[in-house]
């Protein structure tokens, strides 16, 4: 099964306390069905001091379920669903993602 959302995609949160926020996917956890989005779902964690870094309260991103995010349409930046289509000649076909809202290919 091909992934509809991948690392590096720009997504919009469509549910939860960060609804409407936009960010880049920095990690995709396919086995859990969760994504890590830069600047979204920030939580505070208490960090013990180590030789490498200082201790204290650190803010970092927590994962968010993939059903609560939608890909941002490359054309207008609004949330869109993702479809798949085959492009190229019959002997040299390639499966690419496209935005259902505008029909623009996402990776091609």
N, C-alpha and C. Protein backbone atom coordinates (compact mmCIF):
# COMPACT_ATOMS: atom_id res chain seq x y z
N UNK A 1 0.85 -1.20 0.00
CA UNK A 1 0.00 0.00 0.00
C UNK A 1 0.88 1.25 0.00
N UNK A 2 0.58 2.17 -0.86
CA UNK A 2 1.36 3.40 -0.95
C UNK A 2 0.89 4.40 0.12
N UNK A 3 1.82 5.19 0.61
CA UNK A 3 1.51 6.17 1.65
C UNK A 3 0.91 7.42 1.04
N UNK A 4 -0.18 7.89 1.60
CA UNK A 4 -0.81 9.12 1.09
C UNK A 4 -0.09 10.35 1.62
N UNK A 5 0.49 10.25 2.81
CA UNK A 5 1.26 11.36 3.38
C UNK A 5 2.67 10.85 3.64
N UNK A 6 3.66 11.65 3.23
CA UNK A 6 5.06 11.24 3.36
C UNK A 6 5.86 12.32 4.07
N UNK A 7 7.06 11.96 4.50
CA UNK A 7 7.98 12.90 5.11
C UNK A 7 8.28 14.03 4.13
N UNK A 8 8.24 15.27 4.63
CA UNK A 8 8.50 16.42 3.78
C UNK A 8 7.26 17.09 3.22
N UNK A 9 6.10 16.42 3.32
CA UNK A 9 4.84 17.01 2.84
C UNK A 9 4.40 18.13 3.77
N UNK A 10 3.69 19.11 3.22
CA UNK A 10 3.07 20.15 4.02
C UNK A 10 1.64 19.72 4.29
N UNK A 11 1.27 19.68 5.57
CA UNK A 11 -0.07 19.22 5.96
C UNK A 11 -0.77 20.27 6.80
N UNK A 12 -2.09 20.15 6.86
CA UNK A 12 -2.93 21.02 7.67
C UNK A 12 -3.66 20.14 8.68
N UNK A 13 -3.68 20.56 9.95
CA UNK A 13 -4.39 19.82 10.98
C UNK A 13 -5.87 20.12 10.84
N UNK A 14 -6.70 19.05 10.74
CA UNK A 14 -8.13 19.24 10.52
C UNK A 14 -8.97 18.90 11.74
N UNK A 15 -8.33 18.43 12.82
CA UNK A 15 -9.07 18.11 14.04
C UNK A 15 -8.15 18.23 15.25
N UNK A 16 -8.72 18.55 16.40
CA UNK A 16 -7.93 18.64 17.62
C UNK A 16 -7.63 20.06 18.03
N UNK A 17 -6.83 20.22 19.06
CA UNK A 17 -6.57 21.56 19.61
C UNK A 17 -5.75 22.44 18.67
N UNK A 18 -5.02 21.84 17.73
CA UNK A 18 -4.21 22.61 16.78
C UNK A 18 -4.89 22.73 15.42
N UNK A 19 -6.20 22.58 15.38
CA UNK A 19 -6.96 22.63 14.12
C UNK A 19 -6.65 23.92 13.36
N UNK A 20 -6.35 23.78 12.07
CA UNK A 20 -6.05 24.93 11.23
C UNK A 20 -4.57 25.23 11.10
N UNK A 21 -3.74 24.66 11.95
CA UNK A 21 -2.29 24.91 11.89
C UNK A 21 -1.68 24.11 10.74
N UNK A 22 -0.61 24.66 10.18
CA UNK A 22 0.07 24.04 9.04
C UNK A 22 1.51 23.76 9.42
N UNK A 23 2.06 22.68 8.91
CA UNK A 23 3.46 22.36 9.16
C UNK A 23 3.97 21.27 8.24
N UNK A 24 5.26 21.04 8.32
CA UNK A 24 5.92 20.02 7.49
C UNK A 24 6.03 18.73 8.28
N UNK A 25 5.78 17.60 7.61
CA UNK A 25 5.92 16.29 8.24
C UNK A 25 7.40 16.00 8.41
N UNK A 26 7.83 15.80 9.67
CA UNK A 26 9.25 15.51 9.90
C UNK A 26 9.49 14.03 10.15
N UNK A 27 8.41 13.29 10.47
CA UNK A 27 8.54 11.84 10.65
C UNK A 27 7.19 11.20 10.42
N UNK A 28 7.19 10.07 9.71
CA UNK A 28 5.97 9.30 9.46
C UNK A 28 6.13 7.94 10.13
N UNK A 29 5.23 7.62 11.06
CA UNK A 29 5.27 6.33 11.76
C UNK A 29 4.14 5.47 11.22
N UNK A 30 4.43 4.73 10.15
CA UNK A 30 3.39 3.96 9.46
C UNK A 30 2.80 2.85 10.31
N UNK A 31 3.63 2.21 11.15
CA UNK A 31 3.12 1.09 11.97
C UNK A 31 2.12 1.57 13.02
N UNK A 32 2.24 2.82 13.48
CA UNK A 32 1.31 3.39 14.46
C UNK A 32 0.22 4.23 13.79
N UNK A 33 0.42 4.60 12.53
CA UNK A 33 -0.51 5.48 11.85
C UNK A 33 -0.46 6.90 12.38
N UNK A 34 0.74 7.35 12.75
CA UNK A 34 0.90 8.68 13.33
C UNK A 34 1.98 9.46 12.58
N UNK A 35 1.90 10.78 12.65
CA UNK A 35 2.88 11.65 12.01
C UNK A 35 3.39 12.67 13.02
N UNK A 36 4.62 13.13 12.79
CA UNK A 36 5.22 14.20 13.58
C UNK A 36 5.28 15.42 12.68
N UNK A 37 4.61 16.51 13.09
CA UNK A 37 4.52 17.70 12.26
C UNK A 37 5.25 18.83 12.97
N UNK A 38 6.13 19.52 12.23
CA UNK A 38 6.94 20.61 12.81
C UNK A 38 6.04 21.74 13.31
N UNK A 39 6.18 22.06 14.61
CA UNK A 39 5.46 23.18 15.21
C UNK A 39 4.02 22.90 15.61
N UNK A 40 3.58 21.66 15.48
CA UNK A 40 2.19 21.31 15.81
C UNK A 40 2.18 20.29 16.95
N UNK A 41 1.18 20.40 17.83
CA UNK A 41 1.00 19.50 18.97
C UNK A 41 2.23 19.53 19.89
N UNK A 42 2.63 20.75 20.26
CA UNK A 42 3.80 20.93 21.13
C UNK A 42 3.46 20.53 22.56
N UNK A 43 4.36 19.78 23.19
CA UNK A 43 4.20 19.37 24.58
C UNK A 43 5.48 19.71 25.33
N UNK A 44 5.37 19.85 26.65
CA UNK A 44 6.54 20.14 27.48
C UNK A 44 6.97 18.85 28.17
N UNK A 45 8.25 18.58 28.13
CA UNK A 45 8.82 17.39 28.76
C UNK A 45 9.94 17.81 29.70
N UNK A 46 10.00 17.14 30.84
CA UNK A 46 11.10 17.38 31.78
C UNK A 46 12.29 16.53 31.34
N UNK A 47 13.44 17.18 31.14
CA UNK A 47 14.62 16.51 30.61
C UNK A 47 15.71 16.50 31.68
N UNK A 48 16.27 15.34 31.92
CA UNK A 48 17.38 15.23 32.86
C UNK A 48 18.65 15.71 32.17
N UNK A 49 19.51 16.35 32.94
CA UNK A 49 20.76 16.88 32.39
C UNK A 49 21.70 15.73 32.04
N UNK A 50 22.33 15.84 30.89
CA UNK A 50 23.35 14.87 30.47
C UNK A 50 24.61 15.65 30.10
N UNK A 51 25.64 14.92 29.75
CA UNK A 51 26.89 15.57 29.35
C UNK A 51 26.69 16.35 28.05
N UNK A 52 25.80 15.87 27.21
CA UNK A 52 25.59 16.50 25.90
C UNK A 52 24.66 17.70 25.96
N UNK A 53 23.59 17.60 26.78
CA UNK A 53 22.64 18.72 26.80
C UNK A 53 22.17 19.06 28.20
N UNK A 54 21.67 20.26 28.31
CA UNK A 54 21.24 20.81 29.59
C UNK A 54 19.89 20.25 30.01
N UNK A 55 19.64 20.21 31.30
CA UNK A 55 18.37 19.74 31.81
C UNK A 55 17.35 20.85 31.86
N UNK A 56 16.12 20.52 32.22
CA UNK A 56 15.07 21.51 32.34
C UNK A 56 13.82 21.08 31.60
N UNK A 57 12.93 22.02 31.37
CA UNK A 57 11.68 21.73 30.68
C UNK A 57 11.85 22.08 29.20
N UNK A 58 11.64 21.09 28.36
CA UNK A 58 11.88 21.22 26.92
C UNK A 58 10.56 21.10 26.17
N UNK A 59 10.31 21.97 25.20
CA UNK A 59 9.14 21.85 24.34
C UNK A 59 9.51 21.07 23.09
N UNK A 60 8.67 20.10 22.74
CA UNK A 60 8.92 19.34 21.51
C UNK A 60 7.60 18.87 20.92
N UNK A 61 7.65 18.42 19.67
CA UNK A 61 6.45 17.97 18.99
C UNK A 61 6.06 16.57 19.45
N UNK A 62 4.77 16.36 19.65
CA UNK A 62 4.24 15.03 19.91
C UNK A 62 3.56 14.56 18.62
N UNK A 63 3.44 13.26 18.47
CA UNK A 63 2.84 12.75 17.24
C UNK A 63 1.34 13.01 17.24
N UNK A 64 0.77 13.04 16.04
CA UNK A 64 -0.65 13.27 15.85
C UNK A 64 -1.15 12.20 14.88
N UNK A 65 -2.37 11.71 15.07
CA UNK A 65 -2.88 10.64 14.23
C UNK A 65 -3.04 11.13 12.80
N UNK A 66 -2.72 10.25 11.86
CA UNK A 66 -2.73 10.62 10.44
C UNK A 66 -4.13 11.01 9.96
N UNK A 67 -5.18 10.54 10.62
CA UNK A 67 -6.54 10.90 10.22
C UNK A 67 -6.88 12.34 10.58
N UNK A 68 -6.09 12.96 11.45
CA UNK A 68 -6.33 14.34 11.87
C UNK A 68 -5.56 15.36 11.05
N UNK A 69 -4.88 14.91 10.00
CA UNK A 69 -4.17 15.84 9.12
C UNK A 69 -4.59 15.59 7.68
N UNK A 70 -4.52 16.65 6.87
CA UNK A 70 -4.80 16.55 5.44
C UNK A 70 -3.68 17.25 4.69
N UNK A 71 -3.36 16.71 3.54
CA UNK A 71 -2.32 17.30 2.71
C UNK A 71 -2.75 18.68 2.24
N UNK A 72 -1.82 19.64 2.23
CA UNK A 72 -2.11 20.97 1.71
C UNK A 72 -1.99 20.93 0.19
N UNK A 73 -3.01 21.43 -0.49
CA UNK A 73 -3.03 21.45 -1.95
C UNK A 73 -1.88 22.33 -2.46
N UNK A 74 -1.03 21.83 -3.37
CA UNK A 74 0.09 22.63 -3.87
C UNK A 74 -0.36 23.90 -4.60
N UNK A 75 -1.58 23.92 -5.11
CA UNK A 75 -2.07 25.06 -5.89
C UNK A 75 -2.54 26.20 -5.00
N UNK A 76 -3.41 25.90 -4.00
CA UNK A 76 -3.98 26.98 -3.18
C UNK A 76 -3.75 26.83 -1.68
N UNK A 77 -3.10 25.74 -1.22
CA UNK A 77 -2.76 25.59 0.18
C UNK A 77 -3.89 25.13 1.07
N UNK A 78 -5.05 24.80 0.50
CA UNK A 78 -6.18 24.33 1.30
C UNK A 78 -6.11 22.81 1.43
N UNK A 79 -6.79 22.24 2.45
CA UNK A 79 -6.73 20.78 2.64
C UNK A 79 -7.31 20.03 1.44
N UNK A 80 -6.67 18.93 1.09
CA UNK A 80 -7.14 18.11 -0.03
C UNK A 80 -6.95 16.64 0.29
N UNK A 81 -7.74 15.82 -0.38
CA UNK A 81 -7.53 14.38 -0.31
C UNK A 81 -6.49 14.01 -1.35
N UNK A 82 -5.94 12.80 -1.21
CA UNK A 82 -4.87 12.36 -2.09
C UNK A 82 -5.35 11.18 -2.92
N UNK A 83 -5.07 11.24 -4.22
CA UNK A 83 -5.39 10.13 -5.11
C UNK A 83 -4.12 9.63 -5.76
N UNK A 84 -4.23 8.49 -6.44
CA UNK A 84 -3.09 7.92 -7.15
C UNK A 84 -3.47 7.72 -8.60
N UNK A 85 -2.51 7.94 -9.49
CA UNK A 85 -2.74 7.64 -10.91
C UNK A 85 -1.43 7.19 -11.53
N UNK A 86 -1.56 6.47 -12.64
CA UNK A 86 -0.40 5.99 -13.37
C UNK A 86 -0.13 6.94 -14.52
N UNK A 87 1.12 7.37 -14.64
CA UNK A 87 1.51 8.27 -15.73
C UNK A 87 2.63 7.63 -16.53
N UNK A 88 2.69 7.99 -17.80
CA UNK A 88 3.74 7.46 -18.66
C UNK A 88 3.19 6.46 -19.66
N UNK A 89 4.09 5.95 -20.47
CA UNK A 89 3.73 4.96 -21.48
C UNK A 89 3.38 3.63 -20.82
N UNK A 90 2.70 2.77 -21.54
CA UNK A 90 2.22 1.51 -20.96
C UNK A 90 3.35 0.61 -20.47
N UNK A 91 4.51 0.65 -21.12
CA UNK A 91 5.64 -0.18 -20.69
C UNK A 91 6.47 0.49 -19.59
N UNK A 92 6.28 1.79 -19.39
CA UNK A 92 7.11 2.56 -18.45
C UNK A 92 6.21 3.42 -17.56
N UNK A 93 5.26 2.80 -16.87
CA UNK A 93 4.31 3.55 -16.05
C UNK A 93 4.86 3.79 -14.66
N UNK A 94 4.45 4.92 -14.08
CA UNK A 94 4.89 5.30 -12.74
C UNK A 94 3.66 5.73 -11.94
N UNK A 95 3.56 5.27 -10.70
CA UNK A 95 2.43 5.63 -9.84
C UNK A 95 2.77 6.93 -9.11
N UNK A 96 1.93 7.95 -9.26
CA UNK A 96 2.17 9.24 -8.62
C UNK A 96 0.95 9.66 -7.82
N UNK A 97 1.21 10.48 -6.79
CA UNK A 97 0.12 11.04 -5.99
C UNK A 97 -0.36 12.33 -6.65
N UNK A 98 -1.66 12.61 -6.50
CA UNK A 98 -2.17 13.89 -6.99
C UNK A 98 -3.21 14.41 -6.01
N UNK A 99 -3.37 15.74 -6.02
CA UNK A 99 -4.36 16.39 -5.15
C UNK A 99 -5.72 16.28 -5.81
N UNK A 100 -6.69 15.71 -5.10
CA UNK A 100 -8.02 15.54 -5.66
C UNK A 100 -8.72 16.88 -5.86
N UNK A 101 -8.37 17.87 -5.07
CA UNK A 101 -9.01 19.19 -5.15
C UNK A 101 -8.69 19.89 -6.45
N UNK A 102 -7.41 19.89 -6.85
CA UNK A 102 -7.00 20.64 -8.04
C UNK A 102 -6.51 19.75 -9.18
N UNK A 103 -6.21 18.50 -8.90
CA UNK A 103 -5.68 17.60 -9.93
C UNK A 103 -4.19 17.73 -10.16
N UNK A 104 -3.50 18.55 -9.36
CA UNK A 104 -2.05 18.76 -9.51
C UNK A 104 -1.29 17.56 -8.96
N UNK A 105 -0.25 17.11 -9.70
CA UNK A 105 0.58 16.02 -9.22
C UNK A 105 1.44 16.51 -8.05
N UNK A 106 1.54 15.68 -7.03
CA UNK A 106 2.30 16.06 -5.83
C UNK A 106 3.76 15.67 -5.98
N UNK A 107 3.99 14.45 -6.42
CA UNK A 107 5.38 14.03 -6.70
C UNK A 107 5.38 13.41 -8.08
N UNK A 108 6.21 13.93 -8.94
CA UNK A 108 6.12 13.43 -10.30
C UNK A 108 7.40 13.44 -10.99
